[in-house]
N, C-alpha and C. Protein backbone atom coordinates (compact mmCIF):
# COMPACT_ATOMS: atom_id res chain seq x y z
N MET A 1 -67.17 102.26 4.07
CA MET A 1 -67.86 102.09 2.82
C MET A 1 -69.06 103.01 2.79
N GLU A 2 -69.48 103.37 1.63
CA GLU A 2 -70.62 104.29 1.47
C GLU A 2 -71.52 103.77 0.36
N PRO A 3 -72.64 103.12 0.71
CA PRO A 3 -73.56 102.69 -0.35
C PRO A 3 -74.25 103.90 -0.95
N LEU A 4 -74.55 103.81 -2.22
CA LEU A 4 -75.25 104.90 -2.89
C LEU A 4 -76.73 104.87 -2.55
N ASP A 5 -77.51 105.62 -3.27
CA ASP A 5 -78.94 105.75 -3.00
C ASP A 5 -79.70 104.47 -3.30
N ARG A 6 -81.00 104.58 -3.44
CA ARG A 6 -81.87 103.43 -3.64
C ARG A 6 -81.94 102.98 -5.10
N SER A 7 -80.92 103.29 -5.87
CA SER A 7 -80.96 102.95 -7.30
C SER A 7 -81.06 101.45 -7.53
N ILE A 8 -80.73 100.64 -6.52
CA ILE A 8 -80.86 99.19 -6.68
C ILE A 8 -82.09 98.67 -5.95
N GLY A 9 -82.92 99.55 -5.41
CA GLY A 9 -84.18 99.14 -4.82
C GLY A 9 -84.13 98.79 -3.34
N LEU A 10 -83.02 99.01 -2.67
CA LEU A 10 -82.92 98.73 -1.24
C LEU A 10 -82.52 100.00 -0.48
N PRO A 11 -82.98 100.13 0.77
CA PRO A 11 -82.53 101.27 1.57
C PRO A 11 -81.01 101.18 1.79
N ALA A 12 -80.36 102.32 1.88
CA ALA A 12 -78.90 102.36 2.02
C ALA A 12 -78.42 101.58 3.25
N ALA A 13 -79.17 101.64 4.35
CA ALA A 13 -78.76 100.91 5.57
C ALA A 13 -78.71 99.40 5.31
N GLU A 14 -79.67 98.89 4.55
CA GLU A 14 -79.68 97.46 4.25
C GLU A 14 -78.54 97.10 3.30
N VAL A 15 -78.27 97.95 2.33
CA VAL A 15 -77.15 97.70 1.42
C VAL A 15 -75.85 97.65 2.22
N ALA A 16 -75.66 98.62 3.11
CA ALA A 16 -74.44 98.67 3.93
C ALA A 16 -74.31 97.41 4.77
N ALA A 17 -75.41 96.96 5.39
CA ALA A 17 -75.36 95.76 6.23
C ALA A 17 -75.00 94.52 5.41
N ARG A 18 -75.56 94.43 4.21
CA ARG A 18 -75.27 93.26 3.36
C ARG A 18 -73.82 93.26 2.87
N ILE A 19 -73.32 94.43 2.51
CA ILE A 19 -71.92 94.52 2.08
C ILE A 19 -71.00 94.15 3.24
N ALA A 20 -71.29 94.69 4.42
CA ALA A 20 -70.47 94.39 5.60
C ALA A 20 -70.48 92.90 5.91
N ALA A 21 -71.65 92.27 5.84
CA ALA A 21 -71.75 90.83 6.11
C ALA A 21 -70.91 90.03 5.11
N GLY A 22 -70.96 90.41 3.84
CA GLY A 22 -70.17 89.73 2.83
C GLY A 22 -68.68 89.89 3.06
N LEU A 23 -68.26 91.09 3.43
CA LEU A 23 -66.84 91.32 3.71
C LEU A 23 -66.38 90.49 4.91
N ARG A 24 -67.21 90.41 5.93
CA ARG A 24 -66.85 89.64 7.13
C ARG A 24 -66.78 88.15 6.84
N ARG A 25 -67.63 87.66 5.93
CA ARG A 25 -67.56 86.25 5.55
C ARG A 25 -66.24 85.94 4.84
N GLY A 26 -65.79 86.87 4.02
CA GLY A 26 -64.54 86.67 3.27
C GLY A 26 -63.29 86.88 4.10
N TRP A 27 -63.34 87.81 5.03
CA TRP A 27 -62.19 88.14 5.88
C TRP A 27 -62.67 88.29 7.32
N GLN A 28 -62.61 87.21 8.07
CA GLN A 28 -63.17 87.22 9.43
C GLN A 28 -62.52 88.27 10.33
N ALA A 29 -61.27 88.62 10.09
CA ALA A 29 -60.56 89.57 10.95
C ALA A 29 -60.81 91.03 10.55
N ILE A 30 -61.58 91.26 9.50
CA ILE A 30 -61.78 92.63 9.02
C ILE A 30 -62.70 93.42 9.95
N THR A 31 -62.43 94.70 10.08
CA THR A 31 -63.31 95.62 10.79
C THR A 31 -64.03 96.46 9.75
N VAL A 32 -65.35 96.45 9.81
CA VAL A 32 -66.16 97.20 8.84
C VAL A 32 -66.98 98.23 9.57
N ASP A 33 -66.84 99.49 9.17
CA ASP A 33 -67.68 100.56 9.71
C ASP A 33 -68.67 100.94 8.62
N ALA A 34 -69.92 100.56 8.81
CA ALA A 34 -70.98 100.89 7.85
C ALA A 34 -71.66 102.15 8.32
N VAL A 35 -71.40 103.25 7.64
CA VAL A 35 -71.94 104.56 8.03
C VAL A 35 -72.68 105.15 6.84
N LEU A 36 -73.93 105.55 7.07
CA LEU A 36 -74.68 106.18 5.99
C LEU A 36 -74.20 107.61 5.80
N MET A 37 -74.08 108.01 4.55
CA MET A 37 -73.67 109.37 4.20
C MET A 37 -74.64 109.88 3.16
N ALA A 38 -74.71 111.18 3.02
CA ALA A 38 -75.60 111.75 2.01
C ALA A 38 -74.99 113.03 1.45
N ASP A 39 -75.41 113.35 0.25
CA ASP A 39 -74.89 114.56 -0.41
C ASP A 39 -75.91 115.69 -0.40
N GLY A 40 -76.99 115.53 0.35
CA GLY A 40 -78.02 116.57 0.41
C GLY A 40 -79.26 116.22 -0.39
N GLY A 41 -79.17 115.21 -1.23
CA GLY A 41 -80.32 114.78 -2.02
C GLY A 41 -81.05 113.65 -1.32
N GLU A 42 -81.63 112.75 -2.11
CA GLU A 42 -82.33 111.61 -1.54
C GLU A 42 -81.38 110.81 -0.66
N GLY A 43 -81.86 110.41 0.49
CA GLY A 43 -81.04 109.66 1.44
C GLY A 43 -80.49 110.51 2.56
N THR A 44 -80.55 111.83 2.42
CA THR A 44 -80.03 112.72 3.45
C THR A 44 -80.76 112.52 4.78
N LEU A 45 -82.07 112.48 4.72
CA LEU A 45 -82.86 112.31 5.94
C LEU A 45 -82.59 110.96 6.58
N GLU A 46 -82.53 109.91 5.79
CA GLU A 46 -82.24 108.57 6.31
C GLU A 46 -80.88 108.54 7.00
N ALA A 47 -79.88 109.19 6.41
CA ALA A 47 -78.54 109.23 7.00
C ALA A 47 -78.56 109.98 8.33
N ALA A 48 -79.27 111.09 8.40
CA ALA A 48 -79.36 111.86 9.64
C ALA A 48 -80.03 111.05 10.74
N ILE A 49 -81.11 110.37 10.41
CA ILE A 49 -81.84 109.57 11.40
C ILE A 49 -80.97 108.41 11.88
N SER A 50 -80.20 107.81 10.98
CA SER A 50 -79.33 106.71 11.38
C SER A 50 -78.23 107.18 12.32
N ALA A 51 -77.94 108.49 12.30
CA ALA A 51 -76.94 109.06 13.20
C ALA A 51 -77.56 109.50 14.53
N GLY A 52 -78.85 109.19 14.73
CA GLY A 52 -79.48 109.48 16.01
C GLY A 52 -80.25 110.78 16.09
N ILE A 53 -80.46 111.44 14.97
CA ILE A 53 -81.22 112.69 14.96
C ILE A 53 -82.70 112.34 14.86
N SER A 54 -83.53 113.02 15.63
CA SER A 54 -84.97 112.70 15.71
C SER A 54 -85.72 113.09 14.45
N ARG A 55 -86.56 112.18 13.98
CA ARG A 55 -87.39 112.42 12.79
C ARG A 55 -88.62 113.22 13.18
N ARG A 56 -88.97 114.17 12.35
CA ARG A 56 -90.19 114.96 12.50
C ARG A 56 -90.85 115.06 11.13
N ALA A 57 -92.06 115.60 11.09
CA ALA A 57 -92.75 115.82 9.82
C ALA A 57 -93.53 117.12 9.90
N ALA A 58 -93.74 117.73 8.77
CA ALA A 58 -94.51 118.97 8.70
C ALA A 58 -95.21 119.04 7.36
N THR A 59 -96.30 119.77 7.31
CA THR A 59 -96.95 120.03 6.04
C THR A 59 -96.25 121.22 5.41
N VAL A 60 -95.79 121.03 4.17
CA VAL A 60 -95.03 122.07 3.47
C VAL A 60 -95.66 122.33 2.12
N SER A 61 -95.18 123.35 1.45
CA SER A 61 -95.64 123.67 0.11
C SER A 61 -94.81 122.87 -0.89
N GLY A 62 -95.46 121.99 -1.65
CA GLY A 62 -94.76 121.17 -2.63
C GLY A 62 -94.35 121.97 -3.85
N ALA A 63 -93.68 121.31 -4.78
CA ALA A 63 -93.13 121.99 -5.95
C ALA A 63 -94.14 122.82 -6.74
N PRO A 64 -95.35 122.30 -7.04
CA PRO A 64 -96.29 123.16 -7.76
C PRO A 64 -97.20 123.95 -6.81
N GLY A 65 -96.87 123.96 -5.52
CA GLY A 65 -97.62 124.74 -4.55
C GLY A 65 -98.62 123.95 -3.72
N GLN A 66 -98.84 122.68 -4.02
CA GLN A 66 -99.79 121.88 -3.26
C GLN A 66 -99.19 121.51 -1.91
N PRO A 67 -100.04 121.41 -0.85
CA PRO A 67 -99.50 121.00 0.45
C PRO A 67 -99.16 119.51 0.44
N LEU A 68 -98.07 119.16 1.08
CA LEU A 68 -97.72 117.76 1.26
C LEU A 68 -96.94 117.61 2.55
N LYS A 69 -96.92 116.39 3.08
CA LYS A 69 -96.21 116.12 4.32
C LYS A 69 -94.80 115.69 3.98
N ALA A 70 -93.81 116.33 4.59
CA ALA A 70 -92.41 116.01 4.33
C ALA A 70 -91.69 115.81 5.65
N GLY A 71 -90.73 114.91 5.65
CA GLY A 71 -89.96 114.64 6.85
C GLY A 71 -88.75 115.54 6.95
N PHE A 72 -88.28 115.71 8.19
CA PHE A 72 -87.03 116.39 8.45
C PHE A 72 -86.50 115.83 9.77
N ALA A 73 -85.30 116.18 10.15
CA ALA A 73 -84.71 115.66 11.38
C ALA A 73 -84.21 116.83 12.22
N VAL A 74 -84.32 116.69 13.53
CA VAL A 74 -83.93 117.77 14.45
C VAL A 74 -83.12 117.22 15.61
N ARG A 75 -82.07 117.94 15.95
CA ARG A 75 -81.31 117.70 17.19
C ARG A 75 -80.91 119.07 17.74
N ASP A 76 -81.38 119.35 18.94
CA ASP A 76 -81.12 120.64 19.58
C ASP A 76 -81.52 121.78 18.63
N SER A 77 -80.57 122.65 18.27
CA SER A 77 -80.90 123.78 17.39
C SER A 77 -80.56 123.49 15.93
N MET A 78 -80.23 122.24 15.61
CA MET A 78 -79.87 121.86 14.24
C MET A 78 -81.01 121.10 13.58
N ALA A 79 -81.29 121.43 12.33
CA ALA A 79 -82.30 120.70 11.55
C ALA A 79 -81.67 120.22 10.25
N VAL A 80 -82.09 119.05 9.81
CA VAL A 80 -81.64 118.48 8.54
C VAL A 80 -82.88 118.31 7.67
N ILE A 81 -82.84 118.89 6.49
CA ILE A 81 -83.96 118.74 5.56
C ILE A 81 -83.47 118.04 4.30
N GLU A 82 -84.39 117.39 3.65
CA GLU A 82 -84.11 116.77 2.36
C GLU A 82 -85.02 117.47 1.37
N LEU A 83 -84.49 118.41 0.64
CA LEU A 83 -85.29 119.23 -0.26
C LEU A 83 -86.11 118.39 -1.22
N ALA A 84 -85.58 117.26 -1.64
CA ALA A 84 -86.32 116.39 -2.56
C ALA A 84 -87.63 115.90 -1.97
N ALA A 85 -87.73 115.85 -0.63
CA ALA A 85 -88.97 115.40 0.01
C ALA A 85 -90.10 116.39 -0.19
N ALA A 86 -89.78 117.65 -0.45
CA ALA A 86 -90.80 118.67 -0.63
C ALA A 86 -90.91 119.16 -2.06
N SER A 87 -89.79 119.26 -2.75
CA SER A 87 -89.86 119.84 -4.09
C SER A 87 -89.18 118.99 -5.16
N GLY A 88 -88.93 117.75 -4.84
CA GLY A 88 -88.32 116.87 -5.83
C GLY A 88 -89.31 116.44 -6.90
N LEU A 89 -88.81 116.02 -8.02
CA LEU A 89 -89.68 115.62 -9.12
C LEU A 89 -90.54 114.42 -8.76
N ASP A 90 -90.07 113.56 -7.85
CA ASP A 90 -90.83 112.37 -7.47
C ASP A 90 -92.07 112.67 -6.65
N VAL A 91 -92.21 113.88 -6.11
CA VAL A 91 -93.39 114.20 -5.30
C VAL A 91 -94.39 115.08 -6.05
N LEU A 92 -94.18 115.28 -7.33
CA LEU A 92 -95.14 116.06 -8.10
C LEU A 92 -96.44 115.27 -8.23
N PRO A 93 -97.60 115.93 -8.12
CA PRO A 93 -98.87 115.22 -8.17
C PRO A 93 -99.10 114.50 -9.49
N GLY A 94 -99.67 113.31 -9.39
CA GLY A 94 -99.99 112.54 -10.58
C GLY A 94 -98.79 111.94 -11.27
N GLY A 95 -97.61 112.05 -10.66
CA GLY A 95 -96.41 111.50 -11.27
C GLY A 95 -95.92 112.29 -12.47
N PHE A 96 -96.52 113.46 -12.72
CA PHE A 96 -96.14 114.29 -13.85
C PHE A 96 -94.87 115.06 -13.50
N LYS A 97 -93.77 114.73 -14.13
CA LYS A 97 -92.49 115.34 -13.81
C LYS A 97 -92.25 116.57 -14.68
N ASP A 98 -92.67 117.71 -14.18
CA ASP A 98 -92.57 118.98 -14.90
C ASP A 98 -91.46 119.82 -14.27
N ALA A 99 -90.22 119.57 -14.67
CA ALA A 99 -89.09 120.27 -14.08
C ALA A 99 -89.17 121.78 -14.28
N CYS A 100 -89.71 122.22 -15.39
CA CYS A 100 -89.80 123.66 -15.66
C CYS A 100 -90.91 124.33 -14.85
N GLY A 101 -91.94 123.57 -14.49
CA GLY A 101 -93.05 124.15 -13.73
C GLY A 101 -92.91 124.02 -12.23
N ALA A 102 -91.91 123.27 -11.77
CA ALA A 102 -91.70 123.07 -10.33
C ALA A 102 -90.93 124.24 -9.74
N THR A 103 -91.14 124.50 -8.47
CA THR A 103 -90.44 125.58 -7.79
C THR A 103 -90.24 125.24 -6.33
N SER A 104 -89.28 125.86 -5.70
CA SER A 104 -89.09 125.72 -4.27
C SER A 104 -89.46 127.03 -3.56
N LEU A 105 -90.01 127.97 -4.34
CA LEU A 105 -90.44 129.25 -3.76
C LEU A 105 -91.77 129.08 -3.07
N VAL A 106 -91.94 129.78 -1.96
CA VAL A 106 -93.22 129.77 -1.23
C VAL A 106 -93.94 131.06 -1.58
N SER A 107 -95.17 130.93 -2.07
CA SER A 107 -95.92 132.14 -2.42
C SER A 107 -96.65 132.65 -1.19
N GLU A 108 -96.64 133.94 -1.01
CA GLU A 108 -97.36 134.59 0.09
C GLU A 108 -98.75 134.95 -0.40
N SER A 109 -99.77 134.44 0.25
CA SER A 109 -101.15 134.74 -0.17
C SER A 109 -101.72 135.89 0.60
């Protein structure tokens, strides 16, 4: 099973656990594999961490250029980033969602 994002207000891992518990109550012999998956948007970092990849954080350039702290995950030479953590509309300052003014480009000063 694959729970979707936080559209219902719960982390995907909790949704998966609750669905699995309900299935097991209904069918005691059932085998349930609750695995977090992501499509590269919100939830990607959570899915990577649930798979055992180490969480890290760095200060990055946000969508309108302001510095902000964003998480990422690392294992050996592989890194997993969630672009929404740095340039998503939800991290714009003041809650002002300016899709046309946001960018993922880094300006060289």
